[in-house]
Amino acid sequence: MKTNPETMSWTAPTTNVDGTDITYAMEYEVGLQESGVFTPLMTIPGQLQDGGRYTAPIADLALDYGEHSIALRTFAKEDPARKSAWSESVEFVLSAEIPSAPLDLRVT
């Protein structure tokens, strides 16, 4: 499990569930898993694309320290009720308990 990740990234879908091309603007919703259910946490605008992949800072999620499981879903910007299923989830840990670097390194 990754500790203190800085960004999340994903590739946008290019087709609808019926196989037709997506021809409309999309946005993304981050869900936080709580008791086995994903609860919407925040929306990410679709224009955050960087070199074919979308990225967003984990810090924007404003999560407390601890273990977290998140997933994404896509929705039509002009019709937010048209939402995809949740993606596969990813798990990570946010921790302030990171050890300091070793001291007094020498070579002889």
PDB file of N, CA and C in Angstrom:
ATOM      1  N   MET A   1       0.861  -1.169   0.000  1.00  0.00           N
ATOM      2  CA  MET A   1       0.000   0.000   0.000  1.00  0.00           C
ATOM      3  C   MET A   1       0.906   1.230   0.000  1.00  0.00           C
ATOM      4  N   LYS A   2       0.632   2.157  -0.868  1.00  0.00           N
ATOM      5  CA  LYS A   2       1.420   3.382  -1.010  1.00  0.00           C
ATOM      6  C   LYS A   2       1.211   4.287   0.205  1.00  0.00           C
ATOM      7  N   THR A   3       2.311   4.868   0.693  1.00  0.00           N
ATOM      8  CA  THR A   3       2.245   5.818   1.803  1.00  0.00           C
ATOM      9  C   THR A   3       2.522   7.215   1.283  1.00  0.00           C
ATOM     10  N   ASN A   4       1.686   8.154   1.664  1.00  0.00           N
ATOM     11  CA  ASN A   4       1.779   9.572   1.313  1.00  0.00           C
ATOM     12  C   ASN A   4       1.948   9.830  -0.184  1.00  0.00           C
ATOM     13  N   PRO A   5       1.021   9.312  -1.013  1.00  0.00           N
ATOM     14  CA  PRO A   5       1.097   9.619  -2.439  1.00  0.00           C
ATOM     15  C   PRO A   5       0.830  11.102  -2.671  1.00  0.00           C
ATOM     16  N   GLU A   6       1.382  11.635  -3.747  1.00  0.00           N
ATOM     17  CA  GLU A   6       1.206  13.055  -4.039  1.00  0.00           C
ATOM     18  C   GLU A   6       0.105  13.322  -5.061  1.00  0.00           C
ATOM     19  N   THR A   7      -0.059  12.425  -6.018  1.00  0.00           N
ATOM     20  CA  THR A   7      -1.067  12.646  -7.060  1.00  0.00           C
ATOM     21  C   THR A   7      -1.825  11.360  -7.346  1.00  0.00           C
ATOM     22  N   MET A   8      -2.995  11.534  -7.921  1.00  0.00           N
ATOM     23  CA  MET A   8      -3.722  10.412  -8.493  1.00  0.00           C
ATOM     24  C   MET A   8      -3.806  10.688  -9.987  1.00  0.00           C
ATOM     25  N   SER A   9      -3.823   9.646 -10.796  1.00  0.00           N
ATOM     26  CA  SER A   9      -3.912   9.844 -12.240  1.00  0.00           C
ATOM     27  C   SER A   9      -4.766   8.741 -12.851  1.00  0.00           C
ATOM     28  N   TRP A  10      -5.362   9.047 -14.009  1.00  0.00           N
ATOM     29  CA  TRP A  10      -6.240   8.093 -14.676  1.00  0.00           C
ATOM     30  C   TRP A  10      -6.352   8.468 -16.141  1.00  0.00           C
ATOM     31  N   THR A  11      -6.862   7.541 -16.924  1.00  0.00           N
ATOM     32  CA  THR A  11      -7.123   7.753 -18.337  1.00  0.00           C
ATOM     33  C   THR A  11      -8.626   7.872 -18.523  1.00  0.00           C
ATOM     34  N   ALA A  12      -9.039   8.862 -19.282  1.00  0.00           N
ATOM     35  CA  ALA A  12     -10.471   9.083 -19.511  1.00  0.00           C
ATOM     36  C   ALA A  12     -11.058   7.992 -20.397  1.00  0.00           C
ATOM     37  N   PRO A  13     -12.310   7.616 -20.158  1.00  0.00           N
ATOM     38  CA  PRO A  13     -12.961   6.679 -21.071  1.00  0.00           C
ATOM     39  C   PRO A  13     -13.219   7.390 -22.409  1.00  0.00           C
ATOM     40  N   THR A  14     -13.267   6.621 -23.470  1.00  0.00           N
ATOM     41  CA  THR A  14     -13.537   7.199 -24.793  1.00  0.00           C
ATOM     42  C   THR A  14     -14.869   6.736 -25.363  1.00  0.00           C
ATOM     43  N   THR A  15     -15.498   5.771 -24.687  1.00  0.00           N
ATOM     44  CA  THR A  15     -16.790   5.271 -25.162  1.00  0.00           C
ATOM     45  C   THR A  15     -17.801   5.215 -24.026  1.00  0.00           C
ATOM     46  N   ASN A  16     -19.058   5.236 -24.419  1.00  0.00           N
ATOM     47  CA  ASN A  16     -20.166   5.032 -23.489  1.00  0.00           C
ATOM     48  C   ASN A  16     -20.324   3.532 -23.256  1.00  0.00           C
ATOM     49  N   VAL A  17     -21.148   3.148 -22.290  1.00  0.00           N
ATOM     50  CA  VAL A  17     -21.332   1.726 -21.990  1.00  0.00           C
ATOM     51  C   VAL A  17     -21.946   0.969 -23.169  1.00  0.00           C
ATOM     52  N   ASP A  18     -22.639   1.657 -24.076  1.00  0.00           N
ATOM     53  CA  ASP A  18     -23.219   0.985 -25.251  1.00  0.00           C
ATOM     54  C   ASP A  18     -22.231   0.896 -26.419  1.00  0.00           C
ATOM     55  N   GLY A  19     -20.986   1.361 -26.206  1.00  0.00           N
ATOM     56  CA  GLY A  19     -19.954   1.271 -27.238  1.00  0.00           C
ATOM     57  C   GLY A  19     -19.832   2.485 -28.141  1.00  0.00           C
ATOM     58  N   THR A  20     -20.765   3.439 -28.044  1.00  0.00           N
ATOM     59  CA  THR A  20     -20.685   4.644 -28.870  1.00  0.00           C
ATOM     60  C   THR A  20     -19.631   5.592 -28.308  1.00  0.00           C
ATOM     61  N   ASP A  21     -19.092   6.438 -29.187  1.00  0.00           N
ATOM     62  CA  ASP A  21     -18.066   7.392 -28.766  1.00  0.00           C
ATOM     63  C   ASP A  21     -18.620   8.447 -27.828  1.00  0.00           C
ATOM     64  N   ILE A  22     -17.794   8.873 -26.886  1.00  0.00           N
ATOM     65  CA  ILE A  22     -18.165   9.988 -26.018  1.00  0.00           C
ATOM     66  C   ILE A  22     -17.931  11.275 -26.794  1.00  0.00           C
ATOM     67  N   THR A  23     -18.967  12.084 -26.916  1.00  0.00           N
ATOM     68  CA  THR A  23     -18.899  13.323 -27.696  1.00  0.00           C
ATOM     69  C   THR A  23     -19.249  14.543 -26.854  1.00  0.00           C
ATOM     70  N   TYR A  24     -19.190  14.425 -25.560  1.00  0.00           N
ATOM     71  CA  TYR A  24     -19.586  15.497 -24.648  1.00  0.00           C
ATOM     72  C   TYR A  24     -18.503  15.693 -23.596  1.00  0.00           C
ATOM     73  N   ALA A  25     -18.536  16.844 -22.953  1.00  0.00           N
ATOM     74  CA  ALA A  25     -17.567  17.148 -21.897  1.00  0.00           C
ATOM     75  C   ALA A  25     -17.876  16.311 -20.659  1.00  0.00           C
ATOM     76  N   MET A  26     -16.795  15.852 -20.011  1.00  0.00           N
ATOM     77  CA  MET A  26     -16.945  15.025 -18.817  1.00  0.00           C
ATOM     78  C   MET A  26     -16.264  15.678 -17.622  1.00  0.00           C
ATOM     79  N   GLU A  27     -16.705  15.272 -16.469  1.00  0.00           N
ATOM     80  CA  GLU A  27     -16.032  15.606 -15.214  1.00  0.00           C
ATOM     81  C   GLU A  27     -15.930  14.313 -14.417  1.00  0.00           C
ATOM     82  N   TYR A  28     -15.207  14.377 -13.309  1.00  0.00           N
ATOM     83  CA  TYR A  28     -14.934  13.189 -12.518  1.00  0.00           C
ATOM     84  C   TYR A  28     -15.318  13.445 -11.073  1.00  0.00           C
ATOM     85  N   GLU A  29     -15.762  12.395 -10.417  1.00  0.00           N
ATOM     86  CA  GLU A  29     -16.133  12.480  -9.014  1.00  0.00           C
ATOM     87  C   GLU A  29     -15.276  11.490  -8.242  1.00  0.00           C
ATOM     88  N   VAL A  30     -14.650  11.955  -7.187  1.00  0.00           N
ATOM     89  CA  VAL A  30     -13.855  11.090  -6.314  1.00  0.00           C
ATOM     90  C   VAL A  30     -14.768  10.589  -5.210  1.00  0.00           C
ATOM     91  N   GLY A  31     -14.720   9.306  -4.976  1.00  0.00           N
ATOM     92  CA  GLY A  31     -15.497   8.714  -3.896  1.00  0.00           C
ATOM     93  C   GLY A  31     -14.582   8.117  -2.850  1.00  0.00           C
ATOM     94  N   LEU A  32     -14.923   8.306  -1.605  1.00  0.00           N
ATOM     95  CA  LEU A  32     -14.177   7.751  -0.477  1.00  0.00           C
ATOM     96  C   LEU A  32     -14.973   6.574   0.071  1.00  0.00           C
ATOM     97  N   GLN A  33     -14.305   5.429   0.208  1.00  0.00           N
ATOM     98  CA  GLN A  33     -14.998   4.246   0.697  1.00  0.00           C
ATOM     99  C   GLN A  33     -15.128   4.300   2.212  1.00  0.00           C
ATOM    100  N   GLU A  34     -16.353   4.162   2.661  1.00  0.00           N
ATOM    101  CA  GLU A  34     -16.672   4.132   4.084  1.00  0.00           C
ATOM    102  C   GLU A  34     -17.673   3.021   4.307  1.00  0.00           C
ATOM    103  N   SER A  35     -17.315   2.055   5.125  1.00  0.00           N
ATOM    104  CA  SER A  35     -18.189   0.908   5.417  1.00  0.00           C
ATOM    105  C   SER A  35     -18.601   0.173   4.144  1.00  0.00           C
ATOM    106  N   GLY A  36     -17.669   0.045   3.202  1.00  0.00           N
ATOM    107  CA  GLY A  36     -17.921  -0.703   1.984  1.00  0.00           C
ATOM    108  C   GLY A  36     -18.671   0.040   0.899  1.00  0.00           C
ATOM    109  N   VAL A  37     -19.014   1.301   1.127  1.00  0.00           N
ATOM    110  CA  VAL A  37     -19.769   2.095   0.162  1.00  0.00           C
ATOM    111  C   VAL A  37     -18.966   3.343  -0.184  1.00  0.00           C
ATOM    112  N   PHE A  38     -18.958   3.722  -1.471  1.00  0.00           N
ATOM    113  CA  PHE A  38     -18.263   4.943  -1.873  1.00  0.00           C
ATOM    114  C   PHE A  38     -19.187   6.140  -1.708  1.00  0.00           C
ATOM    115  N   THR A  39     -18.695   7.138  -0.989  1.00  0.00           N
ATOM    116  CA  THR A  39     -19.412   8.376  -0.765  1.00  0.00           C
ATOM    117  C   THR A  39     -18.714   9.476  -1.564  1.00  0.00           C
ATOM    118  N   PRO A  40     -19.456  10.223  -2.398  1.00  0.00           N
ATOM    119  CA  PRO A  40     -18.819  11.298  -3.168  1.00  0.00           C
ATOM    120  C   PRO A  40     -18.097  12.285  -2.264  1.00  0.00           C
ATOM    121  N   LEU A  41     -16.855  12.602  -2.643  1.00  0.00           N
ATOM    122  CA  LEU A  41     -16.001  13.475  -1.845  1.00  0.00           C
ATOM    123  C   LEU A  41     -15.789  14.819  -2.526  1.00  0.00           C
ATOM    124  N   MET A  42     -15.512  14.804  -3.834  1.00  0.00           N
ATOM    125  CA  MET A  42     -15.293  16.047  -4.560  1.00  0.00           C
ATOM    126  C   MET A  42     -15.381  15.785  -6.060  1.00  0.00           C
ATOM    127  N   THR A  43     -15.556  16.871  -6.808  1.00  0.00           N
ATOM    128  CA  THR A  43     -15.600  16.816  -8.273  1.00  0.00           C
ATOM    129  C   THR A  43     -14.301  17.366  -8.826  1.00  0.00           C
ATOM    130  N   ILE A  44     -13.809  16.727  -9.885  1.00  0.00           N
ATOM    131  CA  ILE A  44     -12.593  17.170 -10.560  1.00  0.00           C
ATOM    132  C   ILE A  44     -12.962  17.553 -11.984  1.00  0.00           C
ATOM    133  N   PRO A  45     -12.650  18.776 -12.411  1.00  0.00           N
ATOM    134  CA  PRO A  45     -12.967  19.193 -13.780  1.00  0.00           C
ATOM    135  C   PRO A  45     -12.238  18.339 -14.810  1.00  0.00           C
ATOM    136  N   GLY A  46     -12.859  18.156 -15.972  1.00  0.00           N
ATOM    137  CA  GLY A  46     -12.282  17.331 -17.018  1.00  0.00           C
ATOM    138  C   GLY A  46     -11.076  17.916 -17.709  1.00  0.00           C
ATOM    139  N   GLN A  47     -10.798  19.201 -17.580  1.00  0.00           N
ATOM    140  CA  GLN A  47      -9.696  19.809 -18.329  1.00  0.00           C
ATOM    141  C   GLN A  47      -8.333  19.630 -17.687  1.00  0.00           C
ATOM    142  N   LEU A  48      -8.200  18.831 -16.666  1.00  0.00           N
ATOM    143  CA  LEU A  48      -6.914  18.655 -16.002  1.00  0.00           C
ATOM    144  C   LEU A  48      -6.033  17.617 -16.685  1.00  0.00           C
ATOM    145  N   GLN A  49      -6.190  17.439 -17.990  1.00  0.00           N
ATOM    146  CA  GLN A  49      -5.434  16.421 -18.714  1.00  0.00           C
ATOM    147  C   GLN A  49      -3.983  16.840 -18.892  1.00  0.00           C
ATOM    148  N   ASP A  50      -3.083  15.878 -18.730  1.00  0.00           N
ATOM    149  CA  ASP A  50      -1.656  16.137 -18.860  1.00  0.00           C
ATOM    150  C   ASP A  50      -1.019  14.983 -19.630  1.00  0.00           C
ATOM    151  N   GLY A  51      -0.734  15.211 -20.907  1.00  0.00           N
ATOM    152  CA  GLY A  51      -0.077  14.186 -21.705  1.00  0.00           C
ATOM    153  C   GLY A  51      -0.882  12.912 -21.870  1.00  0.00           C
ATOM    154  N   GLY A  52      -2.177  13.013 -22.020  1.00  0.00           N
ATOM    155  CA  GLY A  52      -3.011  11.827 -22.213  1.00  0.00           C
ATOM    156  C   GLY A  52      -3.566  11.229 -20.940  1.00  0.00           C
ATOM    157  N   ARG A  53      -3.044  11.632 -19.812  1.00  0.00           N
ATOM    158  CA  ARG A  53      -3.564  11.159 -18.524  1.00  0.00           C
ATOM    159  C   ARG A  53      -4.023  12.368 -17.714  1.00  0.00           C
ATOM    160  N   TYR A  54      -5.037  12.129 -16.945  1.00  0.00           N
ATOM    161  CA  TYR A  54      -5.510  13.162 -16.042  1.00  0.00           C
ATOM    162  C   TYR A  54      -4.783  13.004 -14.716  1.00  0.00           C
ATOM    163  N   THR A  55      -4.458  14.105 -14.079  1.00  0.00           N
ATOM    164  CA  THR A  55      -3.823  14.062 -12.771  1.00  0.00           C
ATOM    165  C   THR A  55      -4.476  15.069 -11.849  1.00  0.00           C
ATOM    166  N   ALA A  56      -4.453  14.774 -10.577  1.00  0.00           N
ATOM    167  CA  ALA A  56      -4.966  15.690  -9.556  1.00  0.00           C
ATOM    168  C   ALA A  56      -4.197  15.433  -8.270  1.00  0.00           C
ATOM    169  N   PRO A  57      -3.920  16.491  -7.511  1.00  0.00           N
ATOM    170  CA  PRO A  57      -3.185  16.330  -6.259  1.00  0.00           C
ATOM    171  C   PRO A  57      -4.022  15.632  -5.190  1.00  0.00           C
ATOM    172  N   ILE A  58      -3.418  14.701  -4.488  1.00  0.00           N
ATOM    173  CA  ILE A  58      -4.077  14.029  -3.361  1.00  0.00           C
ATOM    174  C   ILE A  58      -4.412  15.049  -2.270  1.00  0.00           C
ATOM    175  N   ALA A  59      -3.569  16.065  -2.106  1.00  0.00           N
ATOM    176  CA  ALA A  59      -3.800  17.070  -1.055  1.00  0.00           C
ATOM    177  C   ALA A  59      -5.149  17.759  -1.222  1.00  0.00           C
ATOM    178  N   ASP A  60      -5.649  17.869  -2.469  1.00  0.00           N
ATOM    179  CA  ASP A  60      -6.944  18.504  -2.703  1.00  0.00           C
ATOM    180  C   ASP A  60      -8.102  17.737  -2.069  1.00  0.00           C
ATOM    181  N   LEU A  61      -7.879  16.470  -1.739  1.00  0.00           N
ATOM    182  CA  LEU A  61      -8.936  15.664  -1.126  1.00  0.00           C
ATOM    183  C   LEU A  61      -9.163  16.007   0.347  1.00  0.00           C
ATOM    184  N   ALA A  62      -8.202  16.694   0.959  1.00  0.00           N
ATOM    185  CA  ALA A  62      -8.313  17.135   2.359  1.00  0.00           C
ATOM    186  C   ALA A  62      -8.676  15.981   3.301  1.00  0.00           C
ATOM    187  N   LEU A  63      -7.938  14.890   3.183  1.00  0.00           N
ATOM    188  CA  LEU A  63      -8.181  13.716   4.022  1.00  0.00           C
ATOM    189  C   LEU A  63      -7.351  13.768   5.297  1.00  0.00           C
ATOM    190  N   ASP A  64      -7.839  13.151   6.346  1.00  0.00           N
ATOM    191  CA  ASP A  64      -7.098  13.024   7.594  1.00  0.00           C
ATOM    192  C   ASP A  64      -6.036  11.935   7.439  1.00  0.00           C
ATOM    193  N   TYR A  65      -5.116  11.865   8.390  1.00  0.00           N
ATOM    194  CA  TYR A  65      -4.138  10.784   8.407  1.00  0.00           C
ATOM    195  C   TYR A  65      -4.863   9.464   8.592  1.00  0.00           C
ATOM    196  N   GLY A  66      -4.324   8.419   7.983  1.00  0.00           N
ATOM    197  CA  GLY A  66      -4.898   7.092   8.104  1.00  0.00           C
ATOM    198  C   GLY A  66      -4.964   6.398   6.763  1.00  0.00           C
ATOM    199  N   GLU A  67      -5.597   5.224   6.739  1.00  0.00           N
ATOM    200  CA  GLU A  67      -5.766   4.452   5.516  1.00  0.00           C
ATOM    201  C   GLU A  67      -7.017   4.915   4.783  1.00  0.00           C
ATOM    202  N   HIS A  68      -6.909   4.984   3.458  1.00  0.00           N
ATOM    203  CA  HIS A  68      -8.031   5.442   2.641  1.00  0.00           C
ATOM    204  C   HIS A  68      -8.172   4.562   1.410  1.00  0.00           C
ATOM    205  N   SER A  69      -9.394   4.436   0.940  1.00  0.00           N
ATOM    206  CA  SER A  69      -9.699   3.747  -0.304  1.00  0.00           C
ATOM    207  C   SER A  69     -10.577   4.687  -1.118  1.00  0.00           C
ATOM    208  N   ILE A  70     -10.118   5.019  -2.341  1.00  0.00           N
ATOM    209  CA  ILE A  70     -10.874   5.934  -3.186  1.00  0.00           C
ATOM    210  C   ILE A  70     -11.144   5.281  -4.540  1.00  0.00           C
ATOM    211  N   ALA A  71     -12.126   5.819  -5.239  1.00  0.00           N
ATOM    212  CA  ALA A  71     -12.453   5.409  -6.600  1.00  0.00           C
ATOM    213  C   ALA A  71     -12.939   6.644  -7.340  1.00  0.00           C
ATOM    214  N   LEU A  72     -13.015   6.535  -8.663  1.00  0.00           N
ATOM    215  CA  LEU A  72     -13.515   7.630  -9.500  1.00  0.00           C
ATOM    216  C   LEU A  72     -14.719   7.163 -10.301  1.00  0.00           C
ATOM    217  N   ARG A  73     -15.562   8.110 -10.650  1.00  0.00           N
ATOM    218  CA  ARG A  73     -16.579   7.846 -11.656  1.00  0.00           C
ATOM    219  C   ARG A  73     -16.680   9.065 -12.551  1.00  0.00           C
ATOM    220  N   THR A  74     -17.122   8.832 -13.766  1.00  0.00           N
ATOM    221  CA  THR A  74     -17.243   9.867 -14.780  1.00  0.00           C
ATOM    222  C   THR A  74     -18.699  10.293 -14.871  1.00  0.00           C
ATOM    223  N   PHE A  75     -18.903  11.577 -15.157  1.00  0.00           N
ATOM    224  CA  PHE A  75     -20.268  12.010 -15.440  1.00  0.00           C
ATOM    225  C   PHE A  75     -20.255  13.085 -16.519  1.00  0.00           C
ATOM    226  N   ALA A  76     -21.381  13.225 -17.195  1.00  0.00           N
ATOM    227  CA  ALA A  76     -21.528  14.219 -18.253  1.00  0.00           C
ATOM    228  C   ALA A  76     -21.635  15.596 -17.602  1.00  0.00           C
ATOM    229  N   LYS A  77     -20.782  16.517 -18.016  1.00  0.00           N
ATOM    230  CA  LYS A  77     -20.760  17.855 -17.408  1.00  0.00           C
ATOM    231  C   LYS A  77     -22.119  18.543 -17.506  1.00  0.00           C
ATOM    232  N   GLU A  78     -22.768  18.425 -18.646  1.00  0.00           N
ATOM    233  CA  GLU A  78     -24.053  19.094 -18.848  1.00  0.00           C
ATOM    234  C   GLU A  78     -25.242  18.334 -18.261  1.00  0.00           C
ATOM    235  N   ASP A  79     -25.033  17.094 -17.870  1.00  0.00           N
ATOM    236  CA  ASP A  79     -26.105  16.277 -17.295  1.00  0.00           C
ATOM    237  C   ASP A  79     -25.513  15.394 -16.202  1.00  0.00           C
ATOM    238  N   PRO A  80     -25.220  15.969 -15.020  1.00  0.00           N
ATOM    239  CA  PRO A  80     -24.536  15.233 -13.944  1.00  0.00           C
ATOM    240  C   PRO A  80     -25.238  13.961 -13.480  1.00  0.00           C
ATOM    241  N   ALA A  81     -26.505  13.785 -13.821  1.00  0.00           N
ATOM    242  CA  ALA A  81     -27.208  12.564 -13.428  1.00  0.00           C
ATOM    243  C   ALA A  81     -26.716  11.358 -14.237  1.00  0.00           C
ATOM    244  N   ARG A  82     -26.064  11.599 -15.378  1.00  0.00           N
ATOM    245  CA  ARG A  82     -25.518  10.508 -16.207  1.00  0.00           C
ATOM    246  C   ARG A  82     -24.130  10.155 -15.697  1.00  0.00           C
ATOM    247  N   LYS A  83     -24.072   9.246 -14.729  1.00  0.00           N
ATOM    248  CA  LYS A  83     -22.813   8.867 -14.073  1.00  0.00           C
ATOM    249  C   LYS A  83     -22.447   7.433 -14.395  1.00  0.00           C
ATOM    250  N   SER A  84     -21.144   7.209 -14.511  1.00  0.00           N
ATOM    251  CA  SER A  84     -20.642   5.846 -14.698  1.00  0.00           C
ATOM    252  C   SER A  84     -20.676   5.100 -13.372  1.00  0.00           C
ATOM    253  N   ALA A  85     -20.336   3.827 -13.447  1.00  0.00           N
ATOM    254  CA  ALA A  85     -20.088   3.055 -12.231  1.00  0.00           C
ATOM    255  C   ALA A  85     -18.769   3.547 -11.637  1.00  0.00           C
ATOM    256  N   TRP A  86     -18.487   3.206 -10.396  1.00  0.00           N
ATOM    257  CA  TRP A  86     -17.213   3.553  -9.774  1.00  0.00           C
ATOM    258  C   TRP A  86     -16.102   2.731 -10.415  1.00  0.00           C
ATOM    259  N   SER A  87     -14.932   3.324 -10.550  1.00  0.00           N
ATOM    260  CA  SER A  87     -13.752   2.602 -11.029  1.00  0.00           C
ATOM    261  C   SER A  87     -13.294   1.603  -9.973  1.00  0.00           C
ATOM    262  N   GLU A  88     -12.267   0.842 -10.316  1.00  0.00           N
ATOM    263  CA  GLU A  88     -11.632   0.026  -9.292  1.00  0.00           C
ATOM    264  C   GLU A  88     -11.053   0.972  -8.249  1.00  0.00           C
ATOM    265  N   SER A  89     -11.020   0.537  -7.022  1.00  0.00           N
ATOM    266  CA  SER A  89     -10.523   1.401  -5.953  1.00  0.00           C
ATOM    267  C   SER A  89      -9.007   1.282  -5.823  1.00  0.00           C
ATOM    268  N   VAL A  90      -8.419   2.295  -5.238  1.00  0.00           N
ATOM    269  CA  VAL A  90      -7.006   2.271  -4.866  1.00  0.00           C
ATOM    270  C   VAL A  90      -6.921   2.607  -3.381  1.00  0.00           C
ATOM    271  N   GLU A  91      -5.953   1.989  -2.728  1.00  0.00           N
ATOM    272  CA  GLU A  91      -5.770   2.209  -1.298  1.00  0.00           C
ATOM    273  C   GLU A  91      -4.424   2.868  -1.051  1.00  0.00           C
ATOM    274  N   PHE A  92      -4.399   3.735  -0.065  1.00  0.00           N
ATOM    275  CA  PHE A  92      -3.156   4.397   0.314  1.00  0.00           C
ATOM    276  C   PHE A  92      -3.255   4.848   1.761  1.00  0.00           C
ATOM    277  N   VAL A  93      -2.100   5.250   2.305  1.00  0.00           N
ATOM    278  CA  VAL A  93      -2.017   5.701   3.690  1.00  0.00           C
ATOM    279  C   VAL A  93      -1.464   7.116   3.698  1.00  0.00           C
ATOM    280  N   LEU A  94      -2.078   7.967   4.485  1.00  0.00           N
ATOM    281  CA  LEU A  94      -1.523   9.294   4.757  1.00  0.00           C
ATOM    282  C   LEU A  94      -0.992   9.252   6.176  1.00  0.00           C
ATOM    283  N   SER A  95       0.290   9.555   6.329  1.00  0.00           N
ATOM    284  CA  SER A  95       0.920   9.415   7.633  1.00  0.00           C
ATOM    285  C   SER A  95       1.900  10.550   7.889  1.00  0.00           C
ATOM    286  N   ALA A  96       1.906  11.027   9.123  1.00  0.00           N
ATOM    287  CA  ALA A  96       2.912  12.004   9.550  1.00  0.00           C
ATOM    288  C   ALA A  96       4.101  11.277  10.149  1.00  0.00           C
ATOM    289  N   GLU A  97       3.972   9.970  10.341  1.00  0.00           N
ATOM    290  CA  GLU A  97       5.012   9.180  10.990  1.00  0.00           C
ATOM    291  C   GLU A  97       6.002   8.646   9.960  1.00  0.00           C
ATOM    292  N   ILE A  98       6.764   9.538   9.381  1.00  0.00           N
ATOM    293  CA  ILE A  98       7.804   9.193   8.422  1.00  0.00           C
ATOM    294  C   ILE A  98       9.137   9.368   9.137  1.00  0.00           C
ATOM    295  N   PRO A  99       9.986   8.359   9.151  1.00  0.00           N
ATOM    296  CA  PRO A  99      11.246   8.507   9.877  1.00  0.00           C
ATOM    297  C   PRO A  99      12.162   9.532   9.218  1.00  0.00           C
ATOM    298  N   SER A 100      12.998  10.117  10.023  1.00  0.00           N
ATOM    299  CA  SER A 100      14.009  11.043   9.514  1.00  0.00           C
ATOM    300  C   SER A 100      15.076  10.256   8.767  1.00  0.00           C
ATOM    301  N   ALA A 101      15.844  10.953   7.953  1.00  0.00           N
ATOM    302  CA  ALA A 101      16.931  10.317   7.206  1.00  0.00           C
ATOM    303  C   ALA A 101      18.028   9.861   8.167  1.00  0.00           C
ATOM    304  N   PRO A 102      18.799   8.849   7.769  1.00  0.00           N
ATOM    305  CA  PRO A 102      19.925   8.414   8.604  1.00  0.00           C
ATOM    306  C   PRO A 102      20.918   9.553   8.819  1.00  0.00           C
ATOM    307  N   LEU A 103      21.605   9.498   9.958  1.00  0.00           N
ATOM    308  CA  LEU A 103      22.568  10.539  10.318  1.00  0.00           C
ATOM    309  C   LEU A 103      23.998  10.042  10.193  1.00  0.00           C
ATOM    310  N   ASP A 104      24.891  10.961  10.009  1.00  0.00           N
ATOM    311  CA  ASP A 104      26.326  10.705  10.090  1.00  0.00           C
ATOM    312  C   ASP A 104      26.806   9.632   9.106  1.00  0.00           C
ATOM    313  N   LEU A 105      26.312   9.699   7.861  1.00  0.00           N
ATOM    314  CA  LEU A 105      26.759   8.765   6.828  1.00  0.00           C
ATOM    315  C   LEU A 105      28.198   9.085   6.459  1.00  0.00           C
ATOM    316  N   ARG A 106      29.016   8.035   6.366  1.00  0.00           N
ATOM    317  CA  ARG A 106      30.428   8.228   6.025  1.00  0.00           C
ATOM    318  C   ARG A 106      30.876   7.126   5.080  1.00  0.00           C
ATOM    319  N   VAL A 107      31.890   7.414   4.319  1.00  0.00           N
ATOM    320  CA  VAL A 107      32.586   6.394   3.567  1.00  0.00           C
ATOM    321  C   VAL A 107      34.048   6.449   3.977  1.00  0.00           C
ATOM    322  N   THR A 108      34.682   5.305   4.048  1.00  0.00           N
ATOM    323  CA  THR A 108      36.092   5.289   4.462  1.00  0.00           C
ATOM    324  C   THR A 108      36.906   4.441   3.512  1.00  0.00           C
TER     325      THR A 108
END
